[in-house]
Protein backbone atom coordinates (compact mmCIF):
# COMPACT_ATOMS: atom_id res chain seq x y z
CA MET A 1 -16.58 30.00 -69.30
CA THR A 2 -18.64 28.67 -66.59
CA PRO A 3 -19.82 30.44 -63.54
CA ARG A 4 -17.48 28.45 -61.39
CA ASN A 5 -14.46 29.65 -63.58
CA ALA A 6 -15.66 33.08 -63.48
CA ALA A 7 -15.93 33.04 -59.73
CA GLU A 8 -12.50 31.49 -59.52
CA VAL A 9 -11.07 34.35 -61.55
CA ALA A 10 -12.81 36.92 -59.57
CA LEU A 11 -11.70 35.61 -56.29
CA GLY A 12 -8.05 35.26 -57.42
CA VAL A 13 -8.07 38.79 -58.72
CA ALA A 14 -9.48 39.99 -55.33
CA GLY A 15 -6.96 38.01 -53.44
CA ILE A 16 -4.10 39.58 -55.40
CA TYR A 17 -5.56 43.04 -54.89
CA PHE A 18 -5.71 42.59 -51.08
CA LEU A 19 -2.16 41.30 -51.09
CA ALA A 20 -0.87 44.16 -53.35
CA GLU A 21 -2.81 46.77 -51.31
CA HIS A 22 -1.49 45.71 -47.94
CA VAL A 23 2.15 44.38 -48.59
CA PRO A 24 3.52 47.97 -48.36
CA ALA A 25 1.60 48.88 -45.28
CA ALA A 26 2.75 45.59 -43.66
CA ILE A 27 6.45 46.64 -44.32
CA LEU A 28 5.75 50.14 -43.01
CA THR A 29 3.80 48.98 -39.80
CA LEU A 30 6.42 46.38 -39.06
CA VAL A 31 9.24 49.01 -39.34
CA SER A 32 7.36 51.55 -37.04
CA THR A 33 6.49 48.65 -34.72
CA LEU A 34 10.01 47.67 -34.21
CA GLU A 35 11.25 51.27 -33.64
CA GLU A 36 11.35 52.38 -29.99
CA HIS A 37 8.25 54.07 -28.70
CA ASP A 38 6.79 55.25 -25.45
CA GLN A 39 3.82 53.01 -26.06
CA VAL A 40 3.09 49.81 -24.16
CA THR A 41 4.96 47.03 -26.06
CA TRP A 42 1.87 44.75 -26.95
CA LEU A 43 -0.14 47.89 -28.02
CA ARG A 44 2.50 48.62 -30.69
CA TRP A 45 1.73 45.29 -32.38
CA VAL A 46 -1.91 45.92 -32.75
CA GLY A 47 -1.42 47.87 -36.04
CA PHE A 48 0.64 45.12 -37.40
CA ALA A 49 -1.84 42.55 -36.52
CA GLN A 50 -4.56 44.52 -38.28
CA VAL A 51 -2.50 44.49 -41.44
CA LEU A 52 -1.72 40.83 -41.30
CA LEU A 53 -5.47 40.02 -41.16
CA MET A 54 -5.84 41.78 -44.50
CA LEU A 55 -2.83 39.98 -45.81
CA ALA A 56 -4.13 36.62 -44.55
CA ALA A 57 -7.63 37.37 -46.29
CA GLY A 58 -5.92 38.13 -49.51
CA PHE A 59 -3.70 34.99 -49.36
CA SER A 60 -6.79 32.85 -48.42
CA LEU A 61 -8.70 34.31 -51.48
CA PHE A 62 -5.95 33.52 -53.83
CA TRP A 63 -4.84 30.41 -52.40
CA PHE A 64 -8.30 28.73 -51.84
CA ARG A 65 -9.93 30.25 -54.77
CA ALA A 66 -10.96 27.02 -56.34
CA PRO A 67 -12.70 25.53 -53.38
CA PHE A 68 -14.49 28.89 -52.53
CA ALA A 69 -15.60 29.08 -56.20
CA ALA A 70 -16.87 25.50 -56.22
CA CYS A 71 -18.79 26.31 -53.00
CA LEU A 72 -20.18 29.58 -54.20
CA THR A 73 -21.48 28.16 -57.53
CA ARG A 74 -22.87 24.90 -56.42
CA HIS A 75 -26.30 24.29 -57.76
CA MET A 76 -26.22 27.41 -60.11
CA GLU A 77 -28.10 26.77 -63.15
CA THR A 78 -28.16 29.43 -65.90
CA SER A 79 -30.51 29.30 -68.87
CA ASP A 80 -27.77 30.14 -71.13
CA PRO A 81 -24.54 28.34 -71.04
CA GLN A 82 -22.45 31.47 -71.78
CA THR A 83 -23.85 33.49 -68.71
CA VAL A 84 -21.26 33.58 -65.99
CA ALA A 85 -23.11 36.39 -64.00
CA PRO A 86 -24.22 34.24 -61.11
CA GLY A 87 -20.45 33.07 -60.42
CA VAL A 88 -19.16 36.58 -60.84
CA HIS A 89 -21.96 37.91 -58.40
CA ALA A 90 -21.31 35.15 -55.85
CA ALA A 91 -17.62 36.04 -56.02
CA ALA A 92 -18.18 39.81 -55.69
CA VAL A 93 -20.56 39.38 -52.78
CA SER A 94 -18.25 37.00 -50.94
CA VAL A 95 -15.35 39.22 -51.38
CA LEU A 96 -17.25 42.11 -50.14
CA GLY A 97 -18.37 40.24 -47.14
CA LEU A 98 -14.82 38.93 -46.38
CA PHE A 99 -13.44 42.57 -46.68
CA PHE A 100 -16.12 43.87 -44.30
CA PHE A 101 -15.51 41.05 -41.83
CA VAL A 102 -11.83 41.40 -41.84
CA SER A 103 -12.04 45.11 -41.58
CA GLY A 104 -14.42 44.97 -38.86
CA VAL A 105 -12.47 42.42 -36.86
CA SER A 106 -9.48 44.64 -37.34
CA SER A 107 -11.11 47.81 -35.99
CA LEU A 108 -12.36 45.78 -33.18
CA LEU A 109 -8.96 44.70 -32.38
CA GLY A 110 -7.89 48.23 -32.35
CA VAL A 111 -10.71 49.71 -30.54
CA ALA A 112 -10.35 46.91 -27.83
CA ALA A 113 -6.70 47.67 -27.44
CA VAL A 114 -7.19 51.36 -27.05
CA ALA A 115 -10.08 50.82 -24.66
CA ARG A 116 -8.02 48.42 -22.65
CA GLU A 117 -5.37 51.02 -22.22
CA GLN A 118 -7.74 53.99 -21.55
CA MET A 119 -9.67 52.02 -18.93
CA PRO A 120 -7.45 52.55 -15.85
CA PHE A 121 -7.43 56.24 -16.64
CA SER A 122 -11.03 56.77 -17.58
CA LYS A 123 -13.46 58.52 -15.17
CA THR A 124 -16.60 57.58 -17.02
CA GLY A 125 -16.13 53.89 -17.13
CA PHE A 126 -16.41 51.51 -19.98
CA SER A 127 -18.37 52.76 -23.14
CA ALA A 128 -19.62 50.28 -25.85
CA THR A 129 -20.12 53.19 -28.23
CA PRO A 130 -16.77 52.78 -30.03
CA PHE A 131 -17.55 49.10 -30.58
CA ILE A 132 -20.95 49.54 -32.46
CA GLN A 133 -19.65 50.43 -35.90
CA PRO A 134 -16.91 47.78 -36.18
CA GLY A 135 -19.05 45.28 -34.67
CA THR A 136 -22.00 45.95 -37.11
CA GLN A 137 -19.41 45.86 -39.98
CA THR A 138 -18.18 42.42 -38.79
CA LEU A 139 -21.71 41.06 -38.60
CA LEU A 140 -22.58 42.50 -41.96
CA GLY A 141 -19.42 40.97 -43.42
CA ALA A 142 -20.09 37.61 -42.03
CA ALA A 143 -23.72 37.63 -43.30
CA LEU A 144 -22.61 38.59 -46.69
CA PHE A 145 -19.90 35.93 -46.85
CA LEU A 146 -21.86 33.20 -45.43
CA GLY A 147 -25.22 34.07 -47.24
CA THR A 148 -23.76 34.65 -50.69
CA ARG A 149 -25.54 31.86 -52.49
CA GLY A 150 -28.94 33.04 -51.21
CA ILE A 151 -28.16 36.70 -51.92
CA VAL A 152 -27.22 35.72 -55.53
CA ARG A 153 -30.31 33.47 -55.94
CA VAL A 154 -32.67 36.60 -54.82
CA TRP A 155 -30.69 38.99 -57.04
CA THR A 156 -30.88 36.83 -59.95
CA THR A 157 -34.69 36.25 -59.32
CA LEU A 158 -35.25 39.95 -59.00
CA ARG A 159 -33.12 40.72 -62.08
CA THR A 160 -35.19 38.42 -64.32
CA ALA A 161 -38.68 39.04 -62.92
CA GLY A 162 -40.99 40.33 -65.55
CA ARG A 163 -38.95 39.46 -68.44
CA HIS A 164 -40.30 37.64 -71.50
CA HIS A 165 -39.19 34.06 -71.72
CA ASP A 166 -38.91 32.32 -75.02
CA GLY A 167 -40.95 29.36 -73.64
CA ASP A 168 -43.89 31.28 -72.78
CA ALA A 169 -46.94 31.37 -74.94
CA ALA A 170 -48.12 34.62 -76.42
């Protein structure tokens, strides 16, 4: 199995996990959204939009796993053709990045919706504090997803540092 094949399998499994994890939540959220509430109409849809973001991430991982794997494992050389670790590492880091990014955007959406509704009633005015954690999570996710190959390259270098190589003279 090549690093690309391993990355493709890992991305497909992660996509299926995201879908399986969030399909029940999507159904429950949709049913509760469609019920009559005292909330503002658009605010009821925020929870459903958050779940849809996770479903879209899972679908994207599964559907586009081959192009993602090809992009993640491009120019990955391994000394042992049986080693698939760089491909699996790249897939794992990119999935974590995507998860953090989508979760952060989802949380930002919820915080912004609540802040918008509370703004007219707040005596203290706007506070950026609730946006710090989801904003940081979104930035971390984007950095992990977009910097996957570099992270894997550094990780592989650190893991193999100081090891004895067969080609070294004694």
